[in-house]
C-alpha atoms as a PDB file:
ATOM      1  CA  MET A   1      48.204  65.698 -54.613  1.00  0.00           C
ATOM      2  CA  ASP A   2      50.208  63.743 -57.113  1.00  0.00           C
ATOM      3  CA  VAL A   3      53.743  65.451 -56.810  1.00  0.00           C
ATOM      4  CA  TYR A   4      56.569  63.093 -55.577  1.00  0.00           C
ATOM      5  CA  THR A   5      60.275  62.131 -55.967  1.00  0.00           C
ATOM      6  CA  GLU A   6      62.283  59.762 -54.001  1.00  0.00           C
ATOM      7  CA  LEU A   7      65.370  59.734 -51.714  1.00  0.00           C
ATOM      8  CA  ALA A   8      67.117  56.387 -51.397  1.00  0.00           C
ATOM      9  CA  GLY A   9      64.266  54.356 -52.748  1.00  0.00           C
ATOM     10  CA  SER A  10      61.662  56.102 -50.414  1.00  0.00           C
ATOM     11  CA  ARG A  11      58.660  58.377 -51.986  1.00  0.00           C
ATOM     12  CA  VAL A  12      58.825  62.025 -50.783  1.00  0.00           C
ATOM     13  CA  SER A  13      56.326  64.304 -51.464  1.00  0.00           C
ATOM     14  CA  ARG A  14      57.835  67.264 -53.212  1.00  0.00           C
ATOM     15  CA  LEU A  15      55.580  69.641 -51.206  1.00  0.00           C
ATOM     16  CA  GLY A  16      56.168  69.458 -47.412  1.00  0.00           C
ATOM     17  CA  ILE A  17      54.743  70.920 -44.121  1.00  0.00           C
ATOM     18  CA  GLY A  18      57.241  73.328 -42.035  1.00  0.00           C
ATOM     19  CA  CYS A  19      56.232  72.982 -38.504  1.00  0.00           C
ATOM     20  CA  SER A  20      57.901  75.850 -36.913  1.00  0.00           C
ATOM     21  CA  ASN A  21      54.704  77.287 -35.988  1.00  0.00           C
ATOM     22  CA  PHE A  22      53.581  74.101 -33.951  1.00  0.00           C
ATOM     23  CA  GLY A  23      53.324  75.174 -30.183  1.00  0.00           C
ATOM     24  CA  LYS A  24      53.827  79.060 -31.168  1.00  0.00           C
ATOM     25  CA  ARG A  25      51.304  80.305 -33.855  1.00  0.00           C
ATOM     26  CA  CYS A  26      49.487  76.537 -33.766  1.00  0.00           C
ATOM     27  CA  ASP A  27      48.137  74.998 -30.725  1.00  0.00           C
ATOM     28  CA  ALA A  28      47.771  71.158 -30.373  1.00  0.00           C
ATOM     29  CA  ALA A  29      44.614  71.220 -32.061  1.00  0.00           C
ATOM     30  CA  ALA A  30      45.596  73.358 -34.836  1.00  0.00           C
ATOM     31  CA  SER A  31      48.821  71.314 -35.244  1.00  0.00           C
ATOM     32  CA  GLU A  32      47.130  68.107 -35.333  1.00  0.00           C
ATOM     33  CA  GLU A  33      44.416  69.125 -37.740  1.00  0.00           C
ATOM     34  CA  VAL A  34      47.329  70.457 -40.023  1.00  0.00           C
ATOM     35  CA  VAL A  35      49.214  67.025 -39.778  1.00  0.00           C
ATOM     36  CA  ARG A  36      46.168  64.625 -40.552  1.00  0.00           C
ATOM     37  CA  THR A  37      45.034  66.795 -43.342  1.00  0.00           C
ATOM     38  CA  ALA A  38      48.537  66.837 -44.781  1.00  0.00           C
ATOM     39  CA  LEU A  39      48.215  63.056 -44.706  1.00  0.00           C
ATOM     40  CA  ASP A  40      44.978  62.910 -46.099  1.00  0.00           C
ATOM     41  CA  ALA A  41      46.185  65.023 -49.192  1.00  0.00           C
ATOM     42  CA  GLY A  42      49.196  63.012 -49.709  1.00  0.00           C
ATOM     43  CA  VAL A  43      51.482  65.351 -47.893  1.00  0.00           C
ATOM     44  CA  ASN A  44      54.223  63.048 -46.313  1.00  0.00           C
ATOM     45  CA  PHE A  45      56.991  65.221 -45.674  1.00  0.00           C
ATOM     46  CA  PHE A  46      57.239  67.087 -42.355  1.00  0.00           C
ATOM     47  CA  ASP A  47      60.126  69.205 -41.401  1.00  0.00           C
ATOM     48  CA  VAL A  48      60.563  70.036 -37.742  1.00  0.00           C
ATOM     49  CA  ALA A  49      63.322  71.019 -35.100  1.00  0.00           C
ATOM     50  CA  ASP A  50      63.735  70.145 -31.220  1.00  0.00           C
ATOM     51  CA  VAL A  51      63.859  73.783 -30.799  1.00  0.00           C
ATOM     52  CA  TYR A  52      60.770  74.698 -32.657  1.00  0.00           C
ATOM     53  CA  GLY A  53      57.569  75.924 -30.372  1.00  0.00           C
ATOM     54  CA  GLY A  54      59.794  76.119 -27.564  1.00  0.00           C
ATOM     55  CA  GLY A  55      60.714  72.540 -27.275  1.00  0.00           C
ATOM     56  CA  THR A  56      56.963  71.092 -28.175  1.00  0.00           C
ATOM     57  CA  ALA A  57      56.667  71.114 -31.897  1.00  0.00           C
ATOM     58  CA  GLU A  58      58.376  67.696 -32.089  1.00  0.00           C
ATOM     59  CA  ALA A  59      55.841  66.237 -29.590  1.00  0.00           C
ATOM     60  CA  LEU A  60      52.894  67.936 -31.484  1.00  0.00           C
ATOM     61  CA  LEU A  61      53.901  66.608 -34.733  1.00  0.00           C
ATOM     62  CA  ALA A  62      53.823  63.012 -33.099  1.00  0.00           C
ATOM     63  CA  ARG A  63      50.451  63.588 -31.639  1.00  0.00           C
ATOM     64  CA  GLY A  64      49.277  64.438 -35.170  1.00  0.00           C
ATOM     65  CA  LEU A  65      50.938  61.141 -36.330  1.00  0.00           C
ATOM     66  CA  ARG A  66      49.571  58.703 -33.964  1.00  0.00           C
ATOM     67  CA  GLY A  67      48.577  55.549 -35.811  1.00  0.00           C
ATOM     68  CA  ARG A  68      49.772  56.951 -38.829  1.00  0.00           C
ATOM     69  CA  ARG A  69      53.655  57.229 -38.276  1.00  0.00           C
ATOM     70  CA  HIS A  70      54.371  54.685 -41.145  1.00  0.00           C
ATOM     71  CA  GLU A  71      52.873  57.250 -43.877  1.00  0.00           C
ATOM     72  CA  ALA A  72      55.148  60.023 -42.814  1.00  0.00           C
ATOM     73  CA  ILE A  73      58.646  61.462 -43.567  1.00  0.00           C
ATOM     74  CA  ILE A  74      60.008  62.721 -40.167  1.00  0.00           C
ATOM     75  CA  ALA A  75      62.969  65.487 -40.687  1.00  0.00           C
ATOM     76  CA  THR A  76      64.113  66.900 -37.434  1.00  0.00           C
ATOM     77  CA  LYS A  77      67.081  68.997 -36.572  1.00  0.00           C
ATOM     78  CA  PHE A  78      69.587  69.429 -33.661  1.00  0.00           C
ATOM     79  CA  GLY A  79      72.479  71.484 -32.600  1.00  0.00           C
ATOM     80  CA  HIS A  80      70.705  75.031 -32.737  1.00  0.00           C
ATOM     81  CA  ALA A  81      72.587  77.938 -30.979  1.00  0.00           C
ATOM     82  CA  THR A  82      69.965  78.525 -28.494  1.00  0.00           C
ATOM     83  CA  GLU A  83      71.837  75.424 -26.721  1.00  0.00           C
ATOM     84  CA  GLU A  84      74.777  77.717 -25.473  1.00  0.00           C
ATOM     85  CA  HIS A  85      73.636  77.218 -21.932  1.00  0.00           C
ATOM     86  CA  ARG A  86      74.969  73.600 -22.016  1.00  0.00           C
ATOM     87  CA  GLU A  87      78.126  72.481 -21.511  1.00  0.00           C
ATOM     88  CA  ALA A  88      80.558  72.249 -24.751  1.00  0.00           C
ATOM     89  CA  ASP A  89      80.150  68.552 -25.085  1.00  0.00           C
ATOM     90  CA  GLU A  90      76.297  68.835 -24.968  1.00  0.00           C
ATOM     91  CA  ARG A  91      75.627  71.059 -27.722  1.00  0.00           C
ATOM     92  CA  GLY A  92      76.233  71.937 -31.192  1.00  0.00           C
ATOM     93  CA  GLY A  93      77.886  69.333 -33.352  1.00  0.00           C
ATOM     94  CA  HIS A  94      79.591  67.422 -30.725  1.00  0.00           C
ATOM     95  CA  PRO A  95      79.060  63.587 -30.872  1.00  0.00           C
ATOM     96  CA  ARG A  96      77.718  63.407 -27.543  1.00  0.00           C
ATOM     97  CA  ASN A  97      75.214  65.997 -28.148  1.00  0.00           C
ATOM     98  CA  VAL A  98      74.494  64.278 -31.460  1.00  0.00           C
ATOM     99  CA  VAL A  99      73.560  61.305 -29.578  1.00  0.00           C
ATOM    100  CA  ARG A 100      71.672  62.964 -26.704  1.00  0.00           C
ATOM    101  CA  SER A 101      69.520  64.970 -29.115  1.00  0.00           C
ATOM    102  CA  ALA A 102      68.787  62.012 -31.311  1.00  0.00           C
ATOM    103  CA  GLU A 103      67.543  60.099 -28.133  1.00  0.00           C
ATOM    104  CA  ALA A 104      65.425  63.316 -27.019  1.00  0.00           C
ATOM    105  CA  SER A 105      64.003  63.590 -30.457  1.00  0.00           C
ATOM    106  CA  LEU A 106      63.028  60.121 -30.664  1.00  0.00           C
ATOM    107  CA  ARG A 107      61.133  60.318 -27.374  1.00  0.00           C
ATOM    108  CA  ALA A 108      59.446  63.441 -28.010  1.00  0.00           C
ATOM    109  CA  LEU A 109      58.140  62.029 -31.590  1.00  0.00           C
ATOM    110  CA  GLU A 110      57.121  58.809 -30.398  1.00  0.00           C
ATOM    111  CA  THR A 111      59.246  56.840 -32.880  1.00  0.00           C
ATOM    112  CA  ASP A 112      61.916  54.543 -32.863  1.00  0.00           C
ATOM    113  CA  TYR A 113      63.695  55.993 -35.930  1.00  0.00           C
ATOM    114  CA  ILE A 114      64.131  59.446 -37.380  1.00  0.00           C
ATOM    115  CA  ASP A 115      64.004  59.456 -41.038  1.00  0.00           C
ATOM    116  CA  LEU A 116      66.075  62.532 -41.966  1.00  0.00           C
ATOM    117  CA  TYR A 117      68.399  64.178 -39.031  1.00  0.00           C
ATOM    118  CA  GLN A 118      69.707  67.396 -39.541  1.00  0.00           C
ATOM    119  CA  ILE A 119      72.229  69.572 -38.255  1.00  0.00           C
ATOM    120  CA  HIS A 120      70.688  72.882 -37.842  1.00  0.00           C
ATOM    121  CA  GLU A 121      73.841  74.855 -38.260  1.00  0.00           C
ATOM    122  CA  PRO A 122      77.527  74.637 -38.635  1.00  0.00           C
ATOM    123  CA  ASP A 123      79.657  74.333 -35.401  1.00  0.00           C
ATOM    124  CA  PRO A 124      82.886  75.956 -35.933  1.00  0.00           C
ATOM    125  CA  ARG A 125      84.044  74.467 -32.702  1.00  0.00           C
ATOM    126  CA  VAL A 126      84.226  70.871 -33.574  1.00  0.00           C
ATOM    127  CA  PRO A 127      85.494  69.090 -36.696  1.00  0.00           C
ATOM    128  CA  VAL A 128      82.505  68.127 -39.363  1.00  0.00           C
ATOM    129  CA  ALA A 129      84.179  64.630 -39.206  1.00  0.00           C
ATOM    130  CA  GLU A 130      83.293  64.332 -35.509  1.00  0.00           C
ATOM    131  CA  THR A 131      79.743  64.972 -36.192  1.00  0.00           C
ATOM    132  CA  LEU A 132      79.669  62.992 -39.107  1.00  0.00           C
ATOM    133  CA  GLY A 133      80.948  60.110 -37.086  1.00  0.00           C
ATOM    134  CA  ALA A 134      78.255  60.551 -34.574  1.00  0.00           C
ATOM    135  CA  LEU A 135      75.660  60.585 -37.244  1.00  0.00           C
ATOM    136  CA  GLU A 136      76.987  57.738 -38.980  1.00  0.00           C
ATOM    137  CA  THR A 137      76.640  55.427 -35.883  1.00  0.00           C
ATOM    138  CA  LEU A 138      73.029  56.511 -35.276  1.00  0.00           C
ATOM    139  CA  VAL A 139      72.387  55.427 -38.961  1.00  0.00           C
ATOM    140  CA  GLU A 140      74.107  52.208 -38.372  1.00  0.00           C
ATOM    141  CA  GLN A 141      72.030  51.545 -35.292  1.00  0.00           C
ATOM    142  CA  GLY A 142      68.846  52.129 -37.168  1.00  0.00           C
ATOM    143  CA  LYS A 143      67.803  55.031 -35.180  1.00  0.00           C
ATOM    144  CA  VAL A 144      68.332  57.337 -38.142  1.00  0.00           C
ATOM    145  CA  ARG A 145      67.736  56.643 -41.884  1.00  0.00           C
ATOM    146  CA  TRP A 146      69.494  59.616 -43.325  1.00  0.00           C
ATOM    147  CA  ALA A 147      71.571  62.563 -42.471  1.00  0.00           C
ATOM    148  CA  GLY A 148      71.684  65.964 -43.547  1.00  0.00           C
ATOM    149  CA  CYS A 149      72.815  69.526 -42.842  1.00  0.00           C
ATOM    150  CA  CYS A 150      71.417  73.020 -42.847  1.00  0.00           C
ATOM    151  CA  ASN A 151      72.988  76.535 -43.456  1.00  0.00           C
ATOM    152  CA  PHE A 152      76.164  75.180 -44.620  1.00  0.00           C
ATOM    153  CA  THR A 153      78.097  77.108 -47.045  1.00  0.00           C
ATOM    154  CA  LEU A 154      79.691  75.938 -50.084  1.00  0.00           C
ATOM    155  CA  ALA A 155      83.396  75.598 -47.885  1.00  0.00           C
ATOM    156  CA  GLN A 156      81.531  73.951 -45.126  1.00  0.00           C
ATOM    157  CA  LEU A 157      79.943  71.354 -47.408  1.00  0.00           C
ATOM    158  CA  THR A 158      83.410  70.993 -49.177  1.00  0.00           C
ATOM    159  CA  GLU A 159      85.099  70.051 -45.858  1.00  0.00           C
ATOM    160  CA  ALA A 160      82.171  67.507 -45.036  1.00  0.00           C
ATOM    161  CA  GLY A 161      83.107  66.061 -48.314  1.00  0.00           C
ATOM    162  CA  ARG A 162      86.598  65.616 -47.489  1.00  0.00           C
ATOM    163  CA  ALA A 163      85.500  63.824 -44.575  1.00  0.00           C
ATOM    164  CA  ASP A 164      84.870  61.009 -47.162  1.00  0.00           C
ATOM    165  CA  ARG A 165      81.784  59.371 -45.054  1.00  0.00           C
ATOM    166  CA  GLY A 166      79.435  60.011 -47.622  1.00  0.00           C
ATOM    167  CA  VAL A 167      76.784  60.948 -44.588  1.00  0.00           C
ATOM    168  CA  PHE A 168      74.918  63.799 -45.376  1.00  0.00           C
ATOM    169  CA  ARG A 169      72.159  63.181 -48.038  1.00  0.00           C
ATOM    170  CA  THR A 170      70.532  66.708 -47.898  1.00  0.00           C
ATOM    171  CA  VAL A 171      71.514  70.316 -47.524  1.00  0.00           C
ATOM    172  CA  GLN A 172      68.526  72.814 -46.208  1.00  0.00           C
ATOM    173  CA  ASN A 173      69.204  76.576 -46.991  1.00  0.00           C
ATOM    174  CA  GLU A 174      66.998  79.386 -47.635  1.00  0.00           C
ATOM    175  CA  TYR A 175      66.132  79.492 -51.344  1.00  0.00           C
ATOM    176  CA  SER A 176      63.261  81.500 -53.242  1.00  0.00           C
ATOM    177  CA  LEU A 177      62.225  83.741 -56.008  1.00  0.00           C
ATOM    178  CA  LEU A 178      63.409  86.397 -53.687  1.00  0.00           C
ATOM    179  CA  VAL A 179      66.566  84.955 -52.311  1.00  0.00           C
ATOM    180  CA  ARG A 180      68.628  83.366 -54.874  1.00  0.00           C
ATOM    181  CA  ASP A 181      71.839  82.894 -53.260  1.00  0.00           C
ATOM    182  CA  ALA A 182      71.880  79.159 -53.398  1.00  0.00           C
ATOM    183  CA  GLU A 183      72.264  79.292 -57.032  1.00  0.00           C
ATOM    184  CA  ARG A 184      75.709  80.834 -56.954  1.00  0.00           C
ATOM    185  CA  ASP A 185      77.285  77.733 -55.412  1.00  0.00           C
ATOM    186  CA  VAL A 186      75.482  75.550 -52.937  1.00  0.00           C
ATOM    187  CA  LEU A 187      72.983  74.391 -55.476  1.00  0.00           C
ATOM    188  CA  PRO A 188      75.418  73.428 -58.130  1.00  0.00           C
ATOM    189  CA  TYR A 189      77.523  71.677 -55.450  1.00  0.00           C
ATOM    190  CA  CYS A 190      74.365  69.508 -54.445  1.00  0.00           C
ATOM    191  CA  ARG A 191      73.735  68.611 -58.466  1.00  0.00           C
ATOM    192  CA  GLU A 192      77.173  67.733 -58.497  1.00  0.00           C
ATOM    193  CA  ALA A 193      77.642  65.829 -55.462  1.00  0.00           C
ATOM    194  CA  GLY A 194      74.141  64.093 -55.775  1.00  0.00           C
ATOM    195  CA  LEU A 195      72.923  65.684 -52.704  1.00  0.00           C
ATOM    196  CA  ARG A 196      69.172  66.915 -52.328  1.00  0.00           C
ATOM    197  CA  PHE A 197      68.475  70.561 -51.552  1.00  0.00           C
ATOM    198  CA  ILE A 198      65.660  71.401 -49.027  1.00  0.00           C
ATOM    199  CA  PRO A 199      64.706  75.011 -49.581  1.00  0.00           C
ATOM    200  CA  TYR A 200      63.230  76.791 -46.433  1.00  0.00           C
ATOM    201  CA  PHE A 201      61.509  80.070 -46.361  1.00  0.00           C
ATOM    202  CA  PRO A 202      60.953  79.021 -50.037  1.00  0.00           C
ATOM    203  CA  LEU A 203      57.407  81.377 -50.037  1.00  0.00           C
ATOM    204  CA  ALA A 204      59.227  84.038 -48.221  1.00  0.00           C
ATOM    205  CA  SER A 205      56.881  83.714 -44.968  1.00  0.00           C
ATOM    206  CA  GLY A 206      53.921  83.850 -47.152  1.00  0.00           C
ATOM    207  CA  VAL A 207      54.969  86.772 -49.275  1.00  0.00           C
ATOM    208  CA  LEU A 208      55.257  84.883 -52.421  1.00  0.00           C
ATOM    209  CA  THR A 209      51.549  83.283 -51.883  1.00  0.00           C
ATOM    210  CA  GLY A 210      50.301  86.391 -53.568  1.00  0.00           C
ATOM    211  CA  LYS A 211      48.216  87.413 -50.623  1.00  0.00           C
ATOM    212  CA  TYR A 212      49.951  90.267 -50.053  1.00  0.00           C
ATOM    213  CA  ARG A 213      49.464  92.984 -52.717  1.00  0.00           C
ATOM    214  CA  MET A 214      50.245  96.587 -53.149  1.00  0.00           C
ATOM    215  CA  ASP A 215      46.657  97.767 -53.128  1.00  0.00           C
ATOM    216  CA  ARG A 216      45.707  95.789 -50.104  1.00  0.00           C
ATOM    217  CA  ARG A 217      45.654  96.064 -46.312  1.00  0.00           C
ATOM    218  CA  VAL A 218      47.595  93.195 -44.809  1.00  0.00           C
ATOM    219  CA  PRO A 219      45.361  90.846 -43.079  1.00  0.00           C
ATOM    220  CA  PRO A 220      45.343  91.297 -39.420  1.00  0.00           C
ATOM    221  CA  ASN A 221      45.752  87.628 -38.421  1.00  0.00           C
ATOM    222  CA  SER A 222      48.627  87.079 -41.141  1.00  0.00           C
ATOM    223  CA  ARG A 223      52.180  86.082 -40.670  1.00  0.00           C
ATOM    224  CA  VAL A 224      53.207  89.305 -41.795  1.00  0.00           C
ATOM    225  CA  ALA A 225      50.990  91.388 -39.727  1.00  0.00           C
ATOM    226  CA  GLN A 226      52.578  89.368 -36.647  1.00  0.00           C
ATOM    227  CA  MET A 227      56.169  89.510 -37.611  1.00  0.00           C
ATOM    228  CA  LYS A 228      58.767  90.832 -35.631  1.00  0.00           C
ATOM    229  CA  PRO A 229      60.428  93.853 -37.378  1.00  0.00           C
ATOM    230  CA  ASP A 230      63.710  91.843 -38.231  1.00  0.00           C
ATOM    231  CA  LYS A 231      61.898  89.546 -40.300  1.00  0.00           C
ATOM    232  CA  LEU A 232      59.045  92.091 -41.493  1.00  0.00           C
ATOM    233  CA  PHE A 233      61.991  94.137 -43.194  1.00  0.00           C
ATOM    234  CA  ARG A 234      63.742  91.183 -44.685  1.00  0.00           C
ATOM    235  CA  PHE A 235      60.542  89.554 -46.301  1.00  0.00           C
ATOM    236  CA  PHE A 236      57.653  92.399 -46.677  1.00  0.00           C
ATOM    237  CA  THR A 237      59.764  95.212 -48.674  1.00  0.00           C
ATOM    238  CA  PRO A 238      58.835  97.355 -51.728  1.00  0.00           C
ATOM    239  CA  ARG A 239      61.115  94.906 -53.715  1.00  0.00           C
ATOM    240  CA  ALA A 240      59.020  91.795 -52.935  1.00  0.00           C
ATOM    241  CA  ILE A 241      56.096  93.410 -53.349  1.00  0.00           C
ATOM    242  CA  ASP A 242      57.133  94.507 -56.735  1.00  0.00           C
ATOM    243  CA  LEU A 243      57.835  91.083 -57.386  1.00  0.00           C
ATOM    244  CA  VAL A 244      54.459  89.816 -56.473  1.00  0.00           C
ATOM    245  CA  GLU A 245      52.891  92.104 -58.898  1.00  0.00           C
ATOM    246  CA  THR A 246      55.321  91.182 -61.482  1.00  0.00           C
ATOM    247  CA  LEU A 247      54.187  87.072 -60.781  1.00  0.00           C
ATOM    248  CA  VAL A 248      50.585  88.363 -60.889  1.00  0.00           C
ATOM    249  CA  VAL A 249      50.585  89.984 -64.279  1.00  0.00           C
ATOM    250  CA  HIS A 250      52.543  86.887 -65.755  1.00  0.00           C
ATOM    251  CA  GLY A 251      50.206  84.429 -63.825  1.00  0.00           C
ATOM    252  CA  GLU A 252      47.075  86.055 -65.161  1.00  0.00           C
ATOM    253  CA  ALA A 253      48.656  85.449 -68.671  1.00  0.00           C
ATOM    254  CA  CYS A 254      49.369  81.901 -68.380  1.00  0.00           C
ATOM    255  CA  GLY A 255      46.768  80.959 -66.183  1.00  0.00           C
ATOM    256  CA  HIS A 256      48.297  80.135 -62.917  1.00  0.00           C
ATOM    257  CA  SER A 257      48.391  81.640 -59.262  1.00  0.00           C
ATOM    258  CA  VAL A 258      51.446  83.616 -57.648  1.00  0.00           C
ATOM    259  CA  LEU A 259      51.626  80.410 -55.422  1.00  0.00           C
ATOM    260  CA  GLU A 260      51.649  78.086 -58.186  1.00  0.00           C
ATOM    261  CA  LEU A 261      54.525  79.814 -60.117  1.00  0.00           C
ATOM    262  CA  ALA A 262      56.497  80.059 -56.727  1.00  0.00           C
ATOM    263  CA  LEU A 263      56.073  76.360 -56.044  1.00  0.00           C
ATOM    264  CA  GLY A 264      56.744  75.131 -59.987  1.00  0.00           C
ATOM    265  CA  PHE A 265      60.020  77.298 -59.607  1.00  0.00           C
ATOM    266  CA  HIS A 266      61.236  74.861 -56.892  1.00  0.00           C
ATOM    267  CA  PHE A 267      59.548  71.552 -58.725  1.00  0.00           C
ATOM    268  CA  ALA A 268      61.182  72.071 -61.771  1.00  0.00           C
ATOM    269  CA  GLU A 269      64.855  71.828 -59.993  1.00  0.00           C
ATOM    270  CA  PRO A 270      65.798  67.931 -59.948  1.00  0.00           C
ATOM    271  CA  ALA A 271      68.041  68.296 -56.904  1.00  0.00           C
ATOM    272  CA  ILE A 272      65.232  69.909 -54.517  1.00  0.00           C
ATOM    273  CA  LEU A 273      63.769  67.151 -52.797  1.00  0.00           C
ATOM    274  CA  SER A 274      60.707  68.800 -50.773  1.00  0.00           C
ATOM    275  CA  VAL A 275      59.567  72.400 -50.586  1.00  0.00           C
ATOM    276  CA  ILE A 276      58.387  73.083 -46.951  1.00  0.00           C
ATOM    277  CA  ALA A 277      55.463  75.548 -46.502  1.00  0.00           C
ATOM    278  CA  GLY A 278      53.970  76.360 -43.054  1.00  0.00           C
ATOM    279  CA  ALA A 279      50.408  75.752 -42.614  1.00  0.00           C
ATOM    280  CA  MET A 280      47.976  77.482 -39.899  1.00  0.00           C
ATOM    281  CA  SER A 281      44.927  75.013 -40.826  1.00  0.00           C
ATOM    282  CA  GLY A 282      43.752  72.280 -42.745  1.00  0.00           C
ATOM    283  CA  GLU A 283      42.182  74.638 -45.339  1.00  0.00           C
ATOM    284  CA  GLN A 284      45.654  76.152 -46.055  1.00  0.00           C
ATOM    285  CA  VAL A 285      47.195  72.649 -46.300  1.00  0.00           C
ATOM    286  CA  ARG A 286      44.374  71.761 -48.848  1.00  0.00           C
ATOM    287  CA  ALA A 287      44.927  74.789 -50.781  1.00  0.00           C
ATOM    288  CA  ASN A 288      48.989  74.464 -50.936  1.00  0.00           C
ATOM    289  CA  ALA A 289      48.407  70.618 -52.078  1.00  0.00           C
ATOM    290  CA  ALA A 290      46.127  71.889 -54.890  1.00  0.00           C
ATOM    291  CA  ALA A 291      48.422  74.578 -55.886  1.00  0.00           C
ATOM    292  CA  ALA A 292      51.431  71.892 -55.876  1.00  0.00           C
ATOM    293  CA  ASP A 293      49.461  69.763 -58.159  1.00  0.00           C
ATOM    294  CA  ALA A 294      49.006  72.745 -60.720  1.00  0.00           C
ATOM    295  CA  ALA A 295      52.378  73.737 -60.474  1.00  0.00           C
ATOM    296  CA  ALA A 296      53.877  70.537 -61.291  1.00  0.00           C
ATOM    297  CA  ASP A 297      53.382  70.850 -65.179  1.00  0.00           C
ATOM    298  CA  LEU A 298      54.512  74.224 -65.718  1.00  0.00           C
ATOM    299  CA  PRO A 299      55.427  74.974 -69.167  1.00  0.00           C
ATOM    300  CA  PRO A 300      59.297  75.340 -70.080  1.00  0.00           C
ATOM    301  CA  ALA A 301      58.726  78.915 -71.208  1.00  0.00           C
ATOM    302  CA  THR A 302      57.355  79.716 -67.772  1.00  0.00           C
ATOM    303  CA  ILE A 303      60.016  78.059 -65.886  1.00  0.00           C
ATOM    304  CA  ARG A 304      62.566  80.078 -67.908  1.00  0.00           C
ATOM    305  CA  TYR A 305      61.000  83.192 -67.267  1.00  0.00           C
ATOM    306  CA  LEU A 306      60.991  82.252 -63.768  1.00  0.00           C
ATOM    307  CA  ARG A 307      64.636  81.440 -63.463  1.00  0.00           C
ATOM    308  CA  ASP A 308      65.887  84.418 -65.538  1.00  0.00           C
ATOM    309  CA  LEU A 309      63.277  86.833 -63.285  1.00  0.00           C
ATOM    310  CA  ARG A 310      65.377  89.095 -60.937  1.00  0.00           C
ATOM    311  CA  CYS A 311      64.080  92.186 -59.302  1.00  0.00           C
END
């Protein structure tokens, strides 16, 4: 794969690996295969969180990176709402929790630094300036290279900007050809403020890969077949399948697959850092990497078509 960008001088693959299935649908062996195949294919951005895989995903990522940590850009997260059982100062964006969580992630990841450390969601109980202060300290100590946030609204990003620490470098929110809310305010803010945007669910849990078609049965072992109802009814909808069929027709006319069109839509946005796509096997990683190469040079007319596409 030969599609890269930069963050503060570091080379980052524009295709990333989402590790949310590590320890869940991917066991240790499968997770290691995904990580090793990704590195071999030139994919170096790995997005994980301390809560993924019931708390095991970071350790599984570390296992796959053994001996090759220097090749990877690790993005992990802290402060998810599942920490509600903890005392107030040991959860969310509280400075004590920022430090506690970072130390735990460093141990699990078997590393002495985290490349990108992100708060998983806003914490209304803690002033964002306090969270930023703790993250800034971690950066000064060399334990974290960059900090970012996830699921922040424009108002919350503006509040963080007013804290004037310049700590957040990235914003990770949902964004895909199906879910375009970020275009309204968050993505323009990122462009203006010089923040890099990381879309999650960029392929709508596999719907935008093109493998789910109107005239075909859902593969029994696929992600959609195993989805819980709340996610199934979010992504696998008549509207989504209609969009896929539209993309199939357009792709056949211009010589690109649905996956290539979906990735190219993101690659054409300069503010986007990396498009995190989950993978269950080395074969899937290689297919995604090949699609990324093909998606990198979509013609301007195709990009305009995708940006104007609504369903």
